[in-house]
Amino acid sequence: MLFEQELDKYFGFTGFLKGQKDVIQLLLKGQSSVAVFPSGSGKSLCYQLPALLLPGLTLVISPLLSLMKDQLDFLKSKELPAEKLDST
């Protein structure tokens, strides 16, 4: 699978940031992965792209309400299906 084509198709990005492609490849192969990147370095894409490419539902658990809102707003701006369930 050509991940760059999917990346552009869904998110409009022309390339991956350091480490993203490696994590995504592992997840799509059904393997576990831990992604420890600095803030703002693209961890979210590491589950968002596989969620679009794999069958079924992807559940992301986060304690950060503002991050969930930002990610939901971003995904909806790309017309990608996403919802959140939180304390608000």
PDB file of N, CA and C in Angstrom:
ATOM      1  N   MET A   1       0.840  -1.178   0.000  1.00  0.00           N
ATOM      2  CA  MET A   1       0.000   0.000   0.000  1.00  0.00           C
ATOM      3  C   MET A   1       0.887   1.245   0.000  1.00  0.00           C
ATOM      4  N   LEU A   2       0.509   2.204  -0.767  1.00  0.00           N
ATOM      5  CA  LEU A   2       1.272   3.442  -0.842  1.00  0.00           C
ATOM      6  C   LEU A   2       0.709   4.431   0.177  1.00  0.00           C
ATOM      7  N   PHE A   3       1.355   4.525   1.307  1.00  0.00           N
ATOM      8  CA  PHE A   3       0.850   5.355   2.383  1.00  0.00           C
ATOM      9  C   PHE A   3       0.849   6.833   2.030  1.00  0.00           C
ATOM     10  N   GLU A   4       1.779   7.268   1.211  1.00  0.00           N
ATOM     11  CA  GLU A   4       1.828   8.675   0.835  1.00  0.00           C
ATOM     12  C   GLU A   4       0.561   9.079   0.086  1.00  0.00           C
ATOM     13  N   GLN A   5       0.034   8.177  -0.759  1.00  0.00           N
ATOM     14  CA  GLN A   5      -1.203   8.475  -1.481  1.00  0.00           C
ATOM     15  C   GLN A   5      -2.379   8.598  -0.526  1.00  0.00           C
ATOM     16  N   GLU A   6      -2.455   7.718   0.459  1.00  0.00           N
ATOM     17  CA  GLU A   6      -3.525   7.771   1.447  1.00  0.00           C
ATOM     18  C   GLU A   6      -3.374   9.020   2.326  1.00  0.00           C
ATOM     19  N   LEU A   7      -2.167   9.356   2.669  1.00  0.00           N
ATOM     20  CA  LEU A   7      -1.895  10.535   3.474  1.00  0.00           C
ATOM     21  C   LEU A   7      -2.394  11.789   2.766  1.00  0.00           C
ATOM     22  N   ASP A   8      -2.101  11.901   1.484  1.00  0.00           N
ATOM     23  CA  ASP A   8      -2.541  13.043   0.691  1.00  0.00           C
ATOM     24  C   ASP A   8      -4.050  13.012   0.500  1.00  0.00           C
ATOM     25  N   LYS A   9      -4.600  11.839   0.197  1.00  0.00           N
ATOM     26  CA  LYS A   9      -6.036  11.694  -0.061  1.00  0.00           C
ATOM     27  C   LYS A   9      -6.873  12.140   1.131  1.00  0.00           C
ATOM     28  N   TYR A  10      -6.533  11.676   2.316  1.00  0.00           N
ATOM     29  CA  TYR A  10      -7.349  11.957   3.489  1.00  0.00           C
ATOM     30  C   TYR A  10      -6.987  13.251   4.217  1.00  0.00           C
ATOM     31  N   PHE A  11      -5.697  13.577   4.253  1.00  0.00           N
ATOM     32  CA  PHE A  11      -5.257  14.696   5.086  1.00  0.00           C
ATOM     33  C   PHE A  11      -4.639  15.852   4.306  1.00  0.00           C
ATOM     34  N   GLY A  12      -4.313  15.644   3.032  1.00  0.00           N
ATOM     35  CA  GLY A  12      -3.710  16.700   2.236  1.00  0.00           C
ATOM     36  C   GLY A  12      -2.252  16.953   2.566  1.00  0.00           C
ATOM     37  N   PHE A  13      -1.606  15.983   3.217  1.00  0.00           N
ATOM     38  CA  PHE A  13      -0.183  16.098   3.555  1.00  0.00           C
ATOM     39  C   PHE A  13       0.645  15.415   2.476  1.00  0.00           C
ATOM     40  N   THR A  14       1.814  15.965   2.193  1.00  0.00           N
ATOM     41  CA  THR A  14       2.656  15.405   1.132  1.00  0.00           C
ATOM     42  C   THR A  14       3.725  14.444   1.649  1.00  0.00           C
ATOM     43  N   GLY A  15       3.902  14.378   2.933  1.00  0.00           N
ATOM     44  CA  GLY A  15       4.908  13.470   3.476  1.00  0.00           C
ATOM     45  C   GLY A  15       4.712  13.263   4.963  1.00  0.00           C
ATOM     46  N   PHE A  16       5.355  12.232   5.481  1.00  0.00           N
ATOM     47  CA  PHE A  16       5.273  11.903   6.897  1.00  0.00           C
ATOM     48  C   PHE A  16       6.354  12.630   7.671  1.00  0.00           C
ATOM     49  N   LEU A  17       6.078  12.885   8.929  1.00  0.00           N
ATOM     50  CA  LEU A  17       7.094  13.391   9.840  1.00  0.00           C
ATOM     51  C   LEU A  17       7.904  12.207  10.362  1.00  0.00           C
ATOM     52  N   LYS A  18       9.047  12.483  10.934  1.00  0.00           N
ATOM     53  CA  LYS A  18       9.944  11.443  11.425  1.00  0.00           C
ATOM     54  C   LYS A  18       9.217  10.474  12.368  1.00  0.00           C
ATOM     55  N   GLY A  19       9.291   9.188  12.053  1.00  0.00           N
ATOM     56  CA  GLY A  19       8.739   8.141  12.896  1.00  0.00           C
ATOM     57  C   GLY A  19       7.309   7.743  12.589  1.00  0.00           C
ATOM     58  N   GLN A  20       6.535   8.622  11.956  1.00  0.00           N
ATOM     59  CA  GLN A  20       5.126   8.322  11.715  1.00  0.00           C
ATOM     60  C   GLN A  20       4.920   7.088  10.838  1.00  0.00           C
ATOM     61  N   LYS A  21       5.630   7.028   9.734  1.00  0.00           N
ATOM     62  CA  LYS A  21       5.415   5.930   8.787  1.00  0.00           C
ATOM     63  C   LYS A  21       5.753   4.587   9.428  1.00  0.00           C
ATOM     64  N   ASP A  22       6.821   4.534  10.217  1.00  0.00           N
ATOM     65  CA  ASP A  22       7.211   3.285  10.877  1.00  0.00           C
ATOM     66  C   ASP A  22       6.106   2.788  11.808  1.00  0.00           C
ATOM     67  N   VAL A  23       5.542   3.702  12.600  1.00  0.00           N
ATOM     68  CA  VAL A  23       4.473   3.334  13.534  1.00  0.00           C
ATOM     69  C   VAL A  23       3.242   2.858  12.773  1.00  0.00           C
ATOM     70  N   ILE A  24       2.852   3.586  11.746  1.00  0.00           N
ATOM     71  CA  ILE A  24       1.660   3.248  10.968  1.00  0.00           C
ATOM     72  C   ILE A  24       1.822   1.889  10.293  1.00  0.00           C
ATOM     73  N   GLN A  25       2.988   1.611   9.740  1.00  0.00           N
ATOM     74  CA  GLN A  25       3.225   0.314   9.109  1.00  0.00           C
ATOM     75  C   GLN A  25       3.060  -0.830  10.105  1.00  0.00           C
ATOM     76  N   LEU A  26       3.579  -0.672  11.312  1.00  0.00           N
ATOM     77  CA  LEU A  26       3.429  -1.707  12.337  1.00  0.00           C
ATOM     78  C   LEU A  26       1.961  -1.940  12.672  1.00  0.00           C
ATOM     79  N   LEU A  27       1.221  -0.864  12.860  1.00  0.00           N
ATOM     80  CA  LEU A  27      -0.191  -0.999  13.214  1.00  0.00           C
ATOM     81  C   LEU A  27      -0.993  -1.667  12.112  1.00  0.00           C
ATOM     82  N   LEU A  28      -0.706  -1.326  10.871  1.00  0.00           N
ATOM     83  CA  LEU A  28      -1.437  -1.930   9.758  1.00  0.00           C
ATOM     84  C   LEU A  28      -1.089  -3.401   9.561  1.00  0.00           C
ATOM     85  N   LYS A  29       0.053  -3.806  10.092  1.00  0.00           N
ATOM     86  CA  LYS A  29       0.426  -5.224  10.066  1.00  0.00           C
ATOM     87  C   LYS A  29      -0.159  -5.980  11.251  1.00  0.00           C
ATOM     88  N   GLY A  30      -0.912  -5.285  12.097  1.00  0.00           N
ATOM     89  CA  GLY A  30      -1.518  -5.908  13.257  1.00  0.00           C
ATOM     90  C   GLY A  30      -0.606  -6.011  14.464  1.00  0.00           C
ATOM     91  N   GLN A  31       0.492  -5.276  14.431  1.00  0.00           N
ATOM     92  CA  GLN A  31       1.444  -5.297  15.542  1.00  0.00           C
ATOM     93  C   GLN A  31       1.213  -4.107  16.459  1.00  0.00           C
ATOM     94  N   SER A  32       1.667  -4.216  17.680  1.00  0.00           N
ATOM     95  CA  SER A  32       1.580  -3.117  18.630  1.00  0.00           C
ATOM     96  C   SER A  32       2.739  -2.146  18.405  1.00  0.00           C
ATOM     97  N   SER A  33       2.522  -0.922  18.862  1.00  0.00           N
ATOM     98  CA  SER A  33       3.567   0.086  18.740  1.00  0.00           C
ATOM     99  C   SER A  33       3.381   1.131  19.821  1.00  0.00           C
ATOM    100  N   VAL A  34       4.466   1.713  20.254  1.00  0.00           N
ATOM    101  CA  VAL A  34       4.441   2.851  21.159  1.00  0.00           C
ATOM    102  C   VAL A  34       5.128   4.002  20.438  1.00  0.00           C
ATOM    103  N   ALA A  35       4.461   5.145  20.384  1.00  0.00           N
ATOM    104  CA  ALA A  35       5.030   6.316  19.721  1.00  0.00           C
ATOM    105  C   ALA A  35       5.268   7.393  20.773  1.00  0.00           C
ATOM    106  N   VAL A  36       6.509   7.648  21.075  1.00  0.00           N
ATOM    107  CA  VAL A  36       6.866   8.694  22.034  1.00  0.00           C
ATOM    108  C   VAL A  36       7.563   9.793  21.238  1.00  0.00           C
ATOM    109  N   PHE A  37       6.797  10.823  20.901  1.00  0.00           N
ATOM    110  CA  PHE A  37       7.300  11.953  20.137  1.00  0.00           C
ATOM    111  C   PHE A  37       7.064  13.216  20.960  1.00  0.00           C
ATOM    112  N   PRO A  38       7.819  14.270  20.691  1.00  0.00           N
ATOM    113  CA  PRO A  38       7.555  15.552  21.352  1.00  0.00           C
ATOM    114  C   PRO A  38       6.175  16.096  20.969  1.00  0.00           C
ATOM    115  N   SER A  39       5.652  16.994  21.761  1.00  0.00           N
ATOM    116  CA  SER A  39       4.382  17.649  21.446  1.00  0.00           C
ATOM    117  C   SER A  39       4.457  18.289  20.068  1.00  0.00           C
ATOM    118  N   GLY A  40       3.385  18.136  19.321  1.00  0.00           N
ATOM    119  CA  GLY A  40       3.305  18.753  18.010  1.00  0.00           C
ATOM    120  C   GLY A  40       4.044  18.045  16.905  1.00  0.00           C
ATOM    121  N   SER A  41       4.465  16.796  17.154  1.00  0.00           N
ATOM    122  CA  SER A  41       5.249  16.100  16.133  1.00  0.00           C
ATOM    123  C   SER A  41       4.461  15.016  15.403  1.00  0.00           C
ATOM    124  N   GLY A  42       3.141  15.013  15.552  1.00  0.00           N
ATOM    125  CA  GLY A  42       2.324  14.159  14.698  1.00  0.00           C
ATOM    126  C   GLY A  42       1.921  12.810  15.244  1.00  0.00           C
ATOM    127  N   LYS A  43       1.833  12.661  16.550  1.00  0.00           N
ATOM    128  CA  LYS A  43       1.405  11.375  17.119  1.00  0.00           C
ATOM    129  C   LYS A  43      -0.017  11.020  16.690  1.00  0.00           C
ATOM    130  N   SER A  44      -0.878  12.009  16.601  1.00  0.00           N
ATOM    131  CA  SER A  44      -2.286  11.750  16.281  1.00  0.00           C
ATOM    132  C   SER A  44      -2.452  11.045  14.943  1.00  0.00           C
ATOM    133  N   LEU A  45      -1.665  11.418  13.973  1.00  0.00           N
ATOM    134  CA  LEU A  45      -1.757  10.783  12.663  1.00  0.00           C
ATOM    135  C   LEU A  45      -1.459   9.288  12.744  1.00  0.00           C
ATOM    136  N   CYS A  46      -0.677   8.894  13.737  1.00  0.00           N
ATOM    137  CA  CYS A  46      -0.286   7.492  13.892  1.00  0.00           C
ATOM    138  C   CYS A  46      -1.468   6.593  14.226  1.00  0.00           C
ATOM    139  N   TYR A  47      -2.567   7.156  14.731  1.00  0.00           N
ATOM    140  CA  TYR A  47      -3.771   6.349  14.883  1.00  0.00           C
ATOM    141  C   TYR A  47      -4.884   6.798  13.942  1.00  0.00           C
ATOM    142  N   GLN A  48      -4.858   8.046  13.491  1.00  0.00           N
ATOM    143  CA  GLN A  48      -5.917   8.514  12.606  1.00  0.00           C
ATOM    144  C   GLN A  48      -5.862   7.840  11.235  1.00  0.00           C
ATOM    145  N   LEU A  49      -4.688   7.753  10.628  1.00  0.00           N
ATOM    146  CA  LEU A  49      -4.585   7.119   9.312  1.00  0.00           C
ATOM    147  C   LEU A  49      -4.891   5.626   9.381  1.00  0.00           C
ATOM    148  N   PRO A  50      -4.311   4.871  10.325  1.00  0.00           N
ATOM    149  CA  PRO A  50      -4.705   3.457  10.415  1.00  0.00           C
ATOM    150  C   PRO A  50      -6.201   3.274  10.673  1.00  0.00           C
ATOM    151  N   ALA A  51      -6.816   4.180  11.427  1.00  0.00           N
ATOM    152  CA  ALA A  51      -8.257   4.081  11.691  1.00  0.00           C
ATOM    153  C   ALA A  51      -9.055   4.149  10.400  1.00  0.00           C
ATOM    154  N   LEU A  52      -8.573   4.918   9.436  1.00  0.00           N
ATOM    155  CA  LEU A  52      -9.254   5.023   8.149  1.00  0.00           C
ATOM    156  C   LEU A  52      -8.987   3.818   7.253  1.00  0.00           C
ATOM    157  N   LEU A  53      -7.842   3.194   7.416  1.00  0.00           N
ATOM    158  CA  LEU A  53      -7.443   2.109   6.517  1.00  0.00           C
ATOM    159  C   LEU A  53      -7.826   0.724   7.020  1.00  0.00           C
ATOM    160  N   LEU A  54      -8.050   0.589   8.321  1.00  0.00           N
ATOM    161  CA  LEU A  54      -8.405  -0.713   8.891  1.00  0.00           C
ATOM    162  C   LEU A  54      -9.918  -0.837   9.021  1.00  0.00           C
ATOM    163  N   PRO A  55     -10.434  -2.056   8.948  1.00  0.00           N
ATOM    164  CA  PRO A  55     -11.881  -2.238   9.117  1.00  0.00           C
ATOM    165  C   PRO A  55     -12.282  -2.034  10.585  1.00  0.00           C
ATOM    166  N   GLY A  56     -13.528  -1.710  10.801  1.00  0.00           N
ATOM    167  CA  GLY A  56     -14.040  -1.600  12.153  1.00  0.00           C
ATOM    168  C   GLY A  56     -13.863  -0.217  12.755  1.00  0.00           C
ATOM    169  N   LEU A  57     -14.093  -0.161  14.047  1.00  0.00           N
ATOM    170  CA  LEU A  57     -14.064   1.076  14.808  1.00  0.00           C
ATOM    171  C   LEU A  57     -12.730   1.238  15.520  1.00  0.00           C
ATOM    172  N   THR A  58     -12.228   2.453  15.566  1.00  0.00           N
ATOM    173  CA  THR A  58     -11.033   2.754  16.350  1.00  0.00           C
ATOM    174  C   THR A  58     -11.448   3.612  17.537  1.00  0.00           C
ATOM    175  N   LEU A  59     -11.082   3.176  18.719  1.00  0.00           N
ATOM    176  CA  LEU A  59     -11.389   3.904  19.946  1.00  0.00           C
ATOM    177  C   LEU A  59     -10.097   4.490  20.491  1.00  0.00           C
ATOM    178  N   VAL A  60     -10.090   5.800  20.682  1.00  0.00           N
ATOM    179  CA  VAL A  60      -8.935   6.497  21.240  1.00  0.00           C
ATOM    180  C   VAL A  60      -9.351   7.054  22.591  1.00  0.00           C
ATOM    181  N   ILE A  61      -8.584   6.747  23.613  1.00  0.00           N
ATOM    182  CA  ILE A  61      -8.878   7.237  24.958  1.00  0.00           C
ATOM    183  C   ILE A  61      -7.832   8.287  25.315  1.00  0.00           C
ATOM    184  N   SER A  62      -8.333   9.472  25.684  1.00  0.00           N
ATOM    185  CA  SER A  62      -7.433  10.573  26.016  1.00  0.00           C
ATOM    186  C   SER A  62      -8.008  11.369  27.179  1.00  0.00           C
ATOM    187  N   PRO A  63      -7.166  11.788  28.106  1.00  0.00           N
ATOM    188  CA  PRO A  63      -7.652  12.636  29.198  1.00  0.00           C
ATOM    189  C   PRO A  63      -7.673  14.124  28.834  1.00  0.00           C
ATOM    190  N   LEU A  64      -7.269  14.455  27.631  1.00  0.00           N
ATOM    191  CA  LEU A  64      -7.097  15.857  27.242  1.00  0.00           C
ATOM    192  C   LEU A  64      -8.284  16.358  26.422  1.00  0.00           C
ATOM    193  N   LEU A  65      -9.227  17.036  27.074  1.00  0.00           N
ATOM    194  CA  LEU A  65     -10.425  17.504  26.390  1.00  0.00           C
ATOM    195  C   LEU A  65     -10.113  18.463  25.247  1.00  0.00           C
ATOM    196  N   SER A  66      -9.191  19.389  25.458  1.00  0.00           N
ATOM    197  CA  SER A  66      -8.879  20.364  24.407  1.00  0.00           C
ATOM    198  C   SER A  66      -8.237  19.684  23.201  1.00  0.00           C
ATOM    199  N   LEU A  67      -7.406  18.675  23.443  1.00  0.00           N
ATOM    200  CA  LEU A  67      -6.796  17.942  22.331  1.00  0.00           C
ATOM    201  C   LEU A  67      -7.856  17.169  21.553  1.00  0.00           C
ATOM    202  N   MET A  68      -8.790  16.545  22.261  1.00  0.00           N
ATOM    203  CA  MET A  68      -9.858  15.820  21.576  1.00  0.00           C
ATOM    204  C   MET A  68     -10.678  16.778  20.714  1.00  0.00           C
ATOM    205  N   LYS A  69     -10.996  17.954  21.246  1.00  0.00           N
ATOM    206  CA  LYS A  69     -11.761  18.936  20.467  1.00  0.00           C
ATOM    207  C   LYS A  69     -10.991  19.368  19.226  1.00  0.00           C
ATOM    208  N   ASP A  70      -9.719  19.685  19.390  1.00  0.00           N
ATOM    209  CA  ASP A  70      -8.901  20.102  18.249  1.00  0.00           C
ATOM    210  C   ASP A  70      -8.843  19.013  17.180  1.00  0.00           C
ATOM    211  N   GLN A  71      -8.643  17.765  17.617  1.00  0.00           N
ATOM    212  CA  GLN A  71      -8.556  16.669  16.655  1.00  0.00           C
ATOM    213  C   GLN A  71      -9.886  16.429  15.961  1.00  0.00           C
ATOM    214  N   LEU A  72     -10.976  16.496  16.701  1.00  0.00           N
ATOM    215  CA  LEU A  72     -12.288  16.316  16.109  1.00  0.00           C
ATOM    216  C   LEU A  72     -12.572  17.416  15.091  1.00  0.00           C
ATOM    217  N   ASP A  73     -12.270  18.663  15.449  1.00  0.00           N
ATOM    218  CA  ASP A  73     -12.462  19.777  14.521  1.00  0.00           C
ATOM    219  C   ASP A  73     -11.645  19.569  13.245  1.00  0.00           C
ATOM    220  N   PHE A  74     -10.391  19.117  13.404  1.00  0.00           N
ATOM    221  CA  PHE A  74      -9.533  18.880  12.245  1.00  0.00           C
ATOM    222  C   PHE A  74     -10.109  17.777  11.352  1.00  0.00           C
ATOM    223  N   LEU A  75     -10.485  16.649  11.951  1.00  0.00           N
ATOM    224  CA  LEU A  75     -11.011  15.537  11.165  1.00  0.00           C
ATOM    225  C   LEU A  75     -12.300  15.929  10.453  1.00  0.00           C
ATOM    226  N   LYS A  76     -13.168  16.627  11.124  1.00  0.00           N
ATOM    227  CA  LYS A  76     -14.421  17.057  10.490  1.00  0.00           C
ATOM    228  C   LYS A  76     -14.163  18.066   9.377  1.00  0.00           C
ATOM    229  N   SER A  77     -13.117  18.901   9.510  1.00  0.00           N
ATOM    230  CA  SER A  77     -12.786  19.844   8.443  1.00  0.00           C
ATOM    231  C   SER A  77     -12.341  19.113   7.182  1.00  0.00           C
ATOM    232  N   LYS A  78     -11.840  17.886   7.362  1.00  0.00           N
ATOM    233  CA  LYS A  78     -11.434  17.051   6.230  1.00  0.00           C
ATOM    234  C   LYS A  78     -12.563  16.118   5.796  1.00  0.00           C
ATOM    235  N   GLU A  79     -13.767  16.318   6.406  1.00  0.00           N
ATOM    236  CA  GLU A  79     -14.949  15.492   6.134  1.00  0.00           C
ATOM    237  C   GLU A  79     -14.694  14.015   6.437  1.00  0.00           C
ATOM    238  N   LEU A  80     -13.925  13.762   7.503  1.00  0.00           N
ATOM    239  CA  LEU A  80     -13.641  12.405   7.952  1.00  0.00           C
ATOM    240  C   LEU A  80     -14.539  12.095   9.147  1.00  0.00           C
ATOM    241  N   PRO A  81     -15.053  10.865   9.219  1.00  0.00           N
ATOM    242  CA  PRO A  81     -15.964  10.526  10.311  1.00  0.00           C
ATOM    243  C   PRO A  81     -15.232  10.427  11.646  1.00  0.00           C
ATOM    244  N   ALA A  82     -15.742  11.148  12.636  1.00  0.00           N
ATOM    245  CA  ALA A  82     -15.145  11.121  13.977  1.00  0.00           C
ATOM    246  C   ALA A  82     -16.157  11.681  14.964  1.00  0.00           C
ATOM    247  N   GLU A  83     -16.146  11.174  16.159  1.00  0.00           N
ATOM    248  CA  GLU A  83     -16.993  11.663  17.240  1.00  0.00           C
ATOM    249  C   GLU A  83     -16.217  11.574  18.539  1.00  0.00           C
ATOM    250  N   LYS A  84     -16.742  12.220  19.573  1.00  0.00           N
ATOM    251  CA  LYS A  84     -16.113  12.145  20.881  1.00  0.00           C
ATOM    252  C   LYS A  84     -17.188  11.929  21.938  1.00  0.00           C
ATOM    253  N   LEU A  85     -16.784  11.329  23.007  1.00  0.00           N
ATOM    254  CA  LEU A  85     -17.618  11.140  24.174  1.00  0.00           C
ATOM    255  C   LEU A  85     -16.779  11.584  25.355  1.00  0.00           C
ATOM    256  N   ASP A  86     -17.241  12.630  26.031  1.00  0.00           N
ATOM    257  CA  ASP A  86     -16.468  13.150  27.153  1.00  0.00           C
ATOM    258  C   ASP A  86     -17.381  13.708  28.224  1.00  0.00           C
ATOM    259  N   SER A  87     -16.835  14.302  29.232  1.00  0.00           N
ATOM    260  CA  SER A  87     -17.591  14.784  30.375  1.00  0.00           C
ATOM    261  C   SER A  87     -18.391  16.061  30.094  1.00  0.00           C
ATOM    262  N   THR A  88     -18.193  16.688  28.948  1.00  0.00           N
ATOM    263  CA  THR A  88     -18.927  17.911  28.648  1.00  0.00           C
ATOM    264  C   THR A  88     -20.280  17.604  28.056  1.00  0.00           C
TER     265      THR A  88
END
